[in-house]
Amino acid sequence: MTKFGWLSPVAGHAGSDFQPIVMYQEEHILPHALPHFDSVWIADHFYGFDSDKTEGFLEGWTTLTWLAARFPHVTVCHHVLGQGYRNPALLAKMASTLQVLSGGRFMLGIGAGWRKDEYLAYGYDFPKASVRLRQLEEVVQICRLMWTQPHPNFEGRYFSIDDAAATPRPDVVPPICIGSSGEQIGLPIVGRHADLWNGAHMGDDEGWLRKRDIVLSAATEAGRQPSDIEMTMTVAGELPDDDSEAAAWRERLEHLRGLGVDHFILDFGHPLDPEPALRFAEQVIGPMRAATS
């Protein structure tokens, strides 16, 4: 069945009176919207994108944990973590803890990281993209070892652990969503390791299908079932105000579903009223789910 995720912005800019939008949504929108969605997603950055850094930006892991506690019936995931921001073993421990505390509702969303200025501002190394991607692969391997083995050990090119126990280990191993688009290194890593792939469409059906096929081919070469990888896509736009706008949303998403998308992550910006979200649930989510039930 097709899934629907809600991306809640942690940014606070002039349009939100510099209040992080997720704080407004937690009070006014999400109690009404999230019962109709499968997942909620939070970005991972340390400050906003205005040059003078007046835009507020909440830390992603803390915010996601807060939402997991506030809304106990929805899956939670980051969109996506920068692997270089947290030590791999600590990341695995944080993930196992949140998975246990949330009753198995956590997915680990992670990527190689891309925002050089942010890395350097916070004192992190920022190696070239190929290195960051190979580091990402080791991070994923370390996480799965620590989630599943009582005495995990790993010696890689970039990272190592020595009996890094992460108890209590989760009963449900967190699914891993990798956000990547690089055709030479990133997408093959997705095929080898990811449970979900978060890819970009950018209005290019042919490009999306080419990237998807790289993922699927890499999965086959790794001895995996390609169908085990859930295809997610982030789609941005304003919530519908009337029936025609809802119909346009459904047409747009149906087209993407035809390209193999299983899980839509919707970025609606900063809606001020829950009514359009309920319209989206009734006129878009409901019919699309019914068509595949």
Protein backbone atom coordinates (compact mmCIF):
# COMPACT_ATOMS: atom_id res chain seq x y z
CA MET A 1 0.00 0.00 0.00
CA THR A 2 1.24 3.49 -0.83
CA LYS A 3 2.51 5.40 2.21
CA PHE A 4 2.43 9.10 2.99
CA GLY A 5 4.85 11.03 5.16
CA TRP A 6 4.64 14.58 6.51
CA LEU A 7 7.82 16.68 6.44
CA SER A 8 7.61 19.24 9.26
CA PRO A 9 10.06 22.15 8.87
CA VAL A 10 12.34 22.89 11.81
CA ALA A 11 13.17 26.28 10.27
CA GLY A 12 11.87 29.54 11.66
CA HIS A 13 12.01 32.38 9.14
CA ALA A 14 10.33 35.71 8.55
CA GLY A 15 7.22 33.97 7.20
CA SER A 16 6.76 32.20 10.53
CA ASP A 17 7.80 35.19 12.66
CA PHE A 18 11.06 33.28 13.27
CA GLN A 19 9.28 30.59 15.26
CA PRO A 20 10.37 27.09 14.13
CA ILE A 21 7.47 25.91 11.99
CA VAL A 22 7.38 22.46 13.59
CA MET A 23 6.46 24.11 16.90
CA TYR A 24 3.41 25.73 15.30
CA GLN A 25 2.50 22.53 13.51
CA GLU A 26 2.83 20.44 16.67
CA GLU A 27 0.15 22.57 18.31
CA HIS A 28 -2.17 23.49 15.45
CA ILE A 29 -1.72 21.11 12.50
CA LEU A 30 -0.19 17.76 13.34
CA PRO A 31 -2.83 16.61 15.86
CA HIS A 32 -5.33 16.76 13.01
CA ALA A 33 -3.09 15.70 10.11
CA LEU A 34 -0.89 12.90 11.43
CA PRO A 35 -3.69 10.39 12.09
CA HIS A 36 -3.96 10.24 8.29
CA PHE A 37 -0.21 9.91 7.59
CA ASP A 38 2.18 7.00 8.01
CA SER A 39 5.29 8.92 8.99
CA VAL A 40 6.68 12.29 10.06
CA TRP A 41 10.10 13.54 8.94
CA ILE A 42 12.55 16.15 10.28
CA ALA A 43 15.58 17.69 8.54
CA ASP A 44 19.07 17.62 10.05
CA HIS A 45 20.83 20.99 9.95
CA PHE A 46 22.17 23.30 12.63
CA TYR A 47 21.19 26.69 11.27
CA GLY A 48 19.08 28.13 8.46
CA PHE A 49 19.94 29.29 4.99
CA ASP A 50 19.84 33.08 5.34
CA SER A 51 23.26 34.69 5.19
CA ASP A 52 23.05 36.43 8.57
CA LYS A 53 21.80 33.28 10.34
CA THR A 54 18.77 34.94 11.95
CA GLU A 55 16.57 32.03 10.84
CA GLY A 56 15.97 29.64 13.70
CA PHE A 57 16.64 25.96 13.10
CA LEU A 58 16.00 23.24 15.67
CA GLU A 59 18.40 20.32 16.05
CA GLY A 60 16.95 17.34 14.21
CA TRP A 61 17.44 14.42 16.58
CA THR A 62 16.05 16.22 19.61
CA THR A 63 13.06 17.47 17.62
CA LEU A 64 12.26 14.04 16.18
CA THR A 65 12.40 12.47 19.64
CA TRP A 66 9.98 15.14 20.90
CA LEU A 67 7.57 14.36 18.05
CA ALA A 68 7.86 10.61 18.68
CA ALA A 69 6.68 11.23 22.23
CA ARG A 70 3.94 13.68 21.24
CA PHE A 71 2.45 11.46 18.49
CA PRO A 72 2.74 7.83 19.59
CA HIS A 73 1.17 6.17 16.57
CA VAL A 74 3.30 7.44 13.67
CA THR A 75 6.67 6.33 12.33
CA VAL A 76 9.45 8.91 12.71
CA CYS A 77 12.47 9.50 10.47
CA HIS A 78 15.10 12.11 9.69
CA HIS A 79 15.23 13.72 6.27
CA VAL A 80 18.13 12.88 6.37
CA LEU A 81 20.93 12.85 8.94
CA GLY A 82 24.36 13.99 7.84
CA GLN A 83 26.59 11.03 8.67
CA GLY A 84 29.51 13.27 9.59
CA TYR A 85 27.67 15.09 12.37
CA ARG A 86 27.70 12.19 14.85
CA ASN A 87 30.17 9.49 15.74
CA PRO A 88 28.93 6.22 14.14
CA ALA A 89 28.79 4.22 17.36
CA LEU A 90 27.03 7.02 19.21
CA LEU A 91 24.60 7.33 16.30
CA ALA A 92 23.83 3.61 16.50
CA LYS A 93 23.30 3.87 20.26
CA MET A 94 21.00 6.87 19.88
CA ALA A 95 19.02 5.03 17.22
CA SER A 96 18.62 1.86 19.27
CA THR A 97 17.50 3.93 22.27
CA LEU A 98 14.87 5.81 20.29
CA GLN A 99 13.70 2.59 18.67
CA VAL A 100 13.20 0.99 22.08
CA LEU A 101 11.52 4.04 23.62
CA SER A 102 9.21 4.56 20.63
CA GLY A 103 8.08 0.95 20.52
CA GLY A 104 9.66 0.25 17.13
CA ARG A 105 8.56 3.39 15.27
CA PHE A 106 11.97 4.77 14.28
CA MET A 107 13.57 4.65 10.85
CA LEU A 108 17.15 5.83 10.43
CA GLY A 109 17.28 8.34 7.59
CA ILE A 110 20.88 9.14 6.66
CA GLY A 111 23.04 10.50 3.87
CA ALA A 112 26.64 11.44 3.19
CA GLY A 113 26.14 15.10 4.16
CA TRP A 114 26.57 17.96 1.72
CA ARG A 115 26.59 21.36 3.44
CA LYS A 116 30.26 22.30 3.66
CA ASP A 117 29.80 25.64 5.41
CA GLU A 118 27.84 24.01 8.20
CA TYR A 119 30.40 21.25 8.71
CA LEU A 120 33.25 23.73 8.95
CA ALA A 121 31.31 26.17 11.17
CA TYR A 122 30.76 23.41 13.72
CA GLY A 123 34.31 22.09 13.51
CA TYR A 124 33.69 18.91 11.53
CA ASP A 125 35.96 17.63 8.79
CA PHE A 126 34.46 17.80 5.32
CA PRO A 127 36.29 15.37 3.01
CA LYS A 128 35.50 14.99 -0.67
CA ALA A 129 32.19 13.42 -1.70
CA SER A 130 33.61 9.99 -2.53
CA VAL A 131 35.09 9.74 0.97
CA ARG A 132 31.90 10.91 2.66
CA LEU A 133 29.94 8.27 0.76
CA ARG A 134 32.34 5.47 1.70
CA GLN A 135 32.16 6.67 5.28
CA LEU A 136 28.38 6.46 5.02
CA GLU A 137 28.61 2.81 4.00
CA GLU A 138 30.72 2.03 7.06
CA VAL A 139 28.31 3.92 9.32
CA VAL A 140 25.41 1.79 8.08
CA GLN A 141 27.39 -1.40 8.65
CA ILE A 142 28.33 -0.34 12.18
CA CYS A 143 24.72 0.50 13.02
CA ARG A 144 23.39 -2.86 11.92
CA LEU A 145 26.11 -4.71 13.84
CA MET A 146 25.39 -2.79 17.02
CA TRP A 147 21.65 -3.31 16.68
CA THR A 148 21.91 -7.07 16.21
CA GLN A 149 25.05 -8.43 17.91
CA PRO A 150 25.88 -8.62 21.64
CA HIS A 151 29.61 -7.98 21.07
CA PRO A 152 29.91 -6.01 17.82
CA ASN A 153 33.31 -5.34 16.29
CA PHE A 154 34.20 -3.55 13.08
CA GLU A 155 37.46 -2.41 11.54
CA GLY A 156 36.97 -0.26 8.48
CA ARG A 157 39.01 2.22 6.53
CA TYR A 158 37.44 5.18 8.33
CA PHE A 159 35.75 3.89 11.47
CA SER A 160 36.10 1.07 13.96
CA ILE A 161 34.32 -0.26 17.03
CA ASP A 162 35.55 -2.70 19.67
CA ASP A 163 32.81 -4.58 21.53
CA ALA A 164 30.54 -1.53 21.26
CA ALA A 165 27.45 -2.97 22.93
CA ALA A 166 24.23 -1.03 22.41
CA THR A 167 21.89 -2.51 24.98
CA PRO A 168 19.01 -2.76 25.18
CA ARG A 169 19.12 -3.80 21.54
CA PRO A 170 15.85 -3.11 19.71
CA ASP A 171 13.46 -5.97 19.08
CA VAL A 172 12.74 -4.41 15.68
CA VAL A 173 15.89 -3.43 13.82
CA PRO A 174 15.37 0.12 12.53
CA PRO A 175 14.89 0.28 8.77
CA ILE A 176 17.53 2.43 7.09
CA CYS A 177 16.55 5.11 4.58
CA ILE A 178 19.50 6.40 2.57
CA GLY A 179 19.22 9.71 0.76
CA SER A 180 21.59 9.74 -2.20
CA SER A 181 21.63 10.50 -5.92
CA GLY A 182 25.23 9.84 -7.02
CA GLU A 183 25.21 7.25 -9.75
CA GLN A 184 28.79 6.02 -9.35
CA ILE A 185 29.03 5.46 -5.59
CA GLY A 186 25.93 6.61 -3.73
CA LEU A 187 23.19 4.67 -5.52
CA PRO A 188 25.12 1.37 -5.46
CA ILE A 189 25.46 1.84 -1.68
CA VAL A 190 21.69 2.27 -1.52
CA GLY A 191 21.21 -0.97 -3.44
CA ARG A 192 23.60 -2.88 -1.17
CA HIS A 193 22.35 -1.60 2.18
CA ALA A 194 19.16 0.50 2.24
CA ASP A 195 15.68 -0.58 3.23
CA LEU A 196 14.37 2.68 1.76
CA TRP A 197 15.79 5.03 -0.85
CA ASN A 198 14.99 8.74 -0.78
CA GLY A 199 15.61 9.98 -4.29
CA ALA A 200 14.96 13.22 -6.14
CA HIS A 201 12.75 13.47 -9.22
CA MET A 202 13.39 17.08 -10.31
CA GLY A 203 10.71 16.81 -13.01
CA ASP A 204 12.76 14.25 -14.95
CA ASP A 205 11.07 10.87 -15.35
CA GLU A 206 13.91 9.43 -17.38
CA GLY A 207 16.53 10.51 -14.85
CA TRP A 208 14.53 9.08 -11.96
CA LEU A 209 14.09 5.74 -13.70
CA ARG A 210 17.78 5.54 -14.55
CA LYS A 211 18.74 6.14 -10.93
CA ARG A 212 16.11 3.71 -9.68
CA ASP A 213 17.46 1.01 -11.99
CA ILE A 214 20.99 1.54 -10.65
CA VAL A 215 19.65 0.94 -7.15
CA LEU A 216 17.79 -2.18 -8.19
CA SER A 217 20.74 -3.59 -10.14
CA ALA A 218 23.07 -3.04 -7.19
CA ALA A 219 20.60 -4.83 -4.92
CA THR A 220 20.52 -7.83 -7.25
CA GLU A 221 24.32 -7.92 -7.46
CA ALA A 222 24.47 -7.91 -3.66
CA GLY A 223 22.15 -10.91 -3.48
CA ARG A 224 19.17 -8.89 -2.27
CA GLN A 225 15.61 -8.83 -3.51
CA PRO A 226 15.16 -5.46 -5.28
CA SER A 227 11.53 -5.39 -4.18
CA ASP A 228 12.71 -5.16 -0.56
CA ILE A 229 13.83 -1.55 -1.14
CA GLU A 230 11.03 0.96 -0.56
CA MET A 231 11.18 3.88 -2.97
CA THR A 232 10.51 7.21 -1.25
CA MET A 233 10.31 10.63 -2.85
CA THR A 234 10.00 14.10 -1.36
CA VAL A 235 7.34 16.22 -3.04
CA ALA A 236 6.80 19.89 -2.19
CA GLY A 237 3.76 22.09 -2.73
CA GLU A 238 0.94 23.91 -0.99
CA LEU A 239 -1.99 22.02 0.45
CA PRO A 240 -5.18 22.10 -1.66
CA ASP A 241 -7.78 24.78 -1.00
CA ASP A 242 -10.45 23.27 -3.23
CA ASP A 243 -11.45 20.15 -5.14
CA SER A 244 -9.56 21.06 -8.30
CA GLU A 245 -6.30 21.57 -6.42
CA ALA A 246 -6.80 18.25 -4.66
CA ALA A 247 -7.39 16.58 -8.02
CA ALA A 248 -4.17 18.09 -9.34
CA TRP A 249 -2.27 16.73 -6.34
CA ARG A 250 -3.68 13.26 -6.91
CA GLU A 251 -2.80 13.35 -10.61
CA ARG A 252 0.75 14.40 -9.75
CA LEU A 253 1.24 11.66 -7.18
CA GLU A 254 -0.44 8.98 -9.29
CA HIS A 255 2.07 9.76 -12.04
CA LEU A 256 4.95 9.34 -9.61
CA ARG A 257 3.46 6.16 -8.22
CA GLY A 258 3.48 4.85 -11.77
CA LEU A 259 7.25 5.36 -11.73
CA GLY A 260 7.56 3.06 -8.74
CA VAL A 261 7.32 5.44 -5.78
CA ASP A 262 6.05 3.63 -2.67
CA HIS A 263 6.25 6.34 0.00
CA PHE A 264 5.64 10.05 -0.57
CA ILE A 265 7.21 12.54 1.83
CA LEU A 266 5.14 15.72 1.55
CA ASP A 267 6.59 19.15 2.26
CA PHE A 268 3.66 21.56 2.58
CA GLY A 269 5.65 24.47 3.97
CA HIS A 270 3.82 26.47 6.63
CA PRO A 271 0.04 25.87 6.50
CA LEU A 272 -1.80 27.87 9.15
CA ASP A 273 -5.00 25.86 9.28
CA PRO A 274 -5.62 22.09 9.42
CA GLU A 275 -8.57 22.13 7.00
CA PRO A 276 -6.48 21.82 3.81
CA ALA A 277 -4.56 18.93 5.38
CA LEU A 278 -7.83 17.14 6.04
CA ARG A 279 -8.89 17.83 2.45
CA PHE A 280 -5.63 16.30 1.25
CA ALA A 281 -6.22 13.25 3.42
CA GLU A 282 -9.80 12.80 2.21
CA GLN A 283 -9.36 13.57 -1.49
CA VAL A 284 -5.81 12.39 -2.16
CA ILE A 285 -4.60 9.91 0.44
CA GLY A 286 -7.90 8.07 0.83
CA PRO A 287 -8.56 7.39 -2.86
CA MET A 288 -4.92 6.46 -3.56
CA ARG A 289 -4.89 3.96 -0.73
CA ALA A 290 -8.23 2.53 -1.77
CA ALA A 291 -6.91 1.99 -5.30
CA THR A 292 -4.18 -0.33 -4.03
CA SER A 293 -5.93 -2.04 -1.13
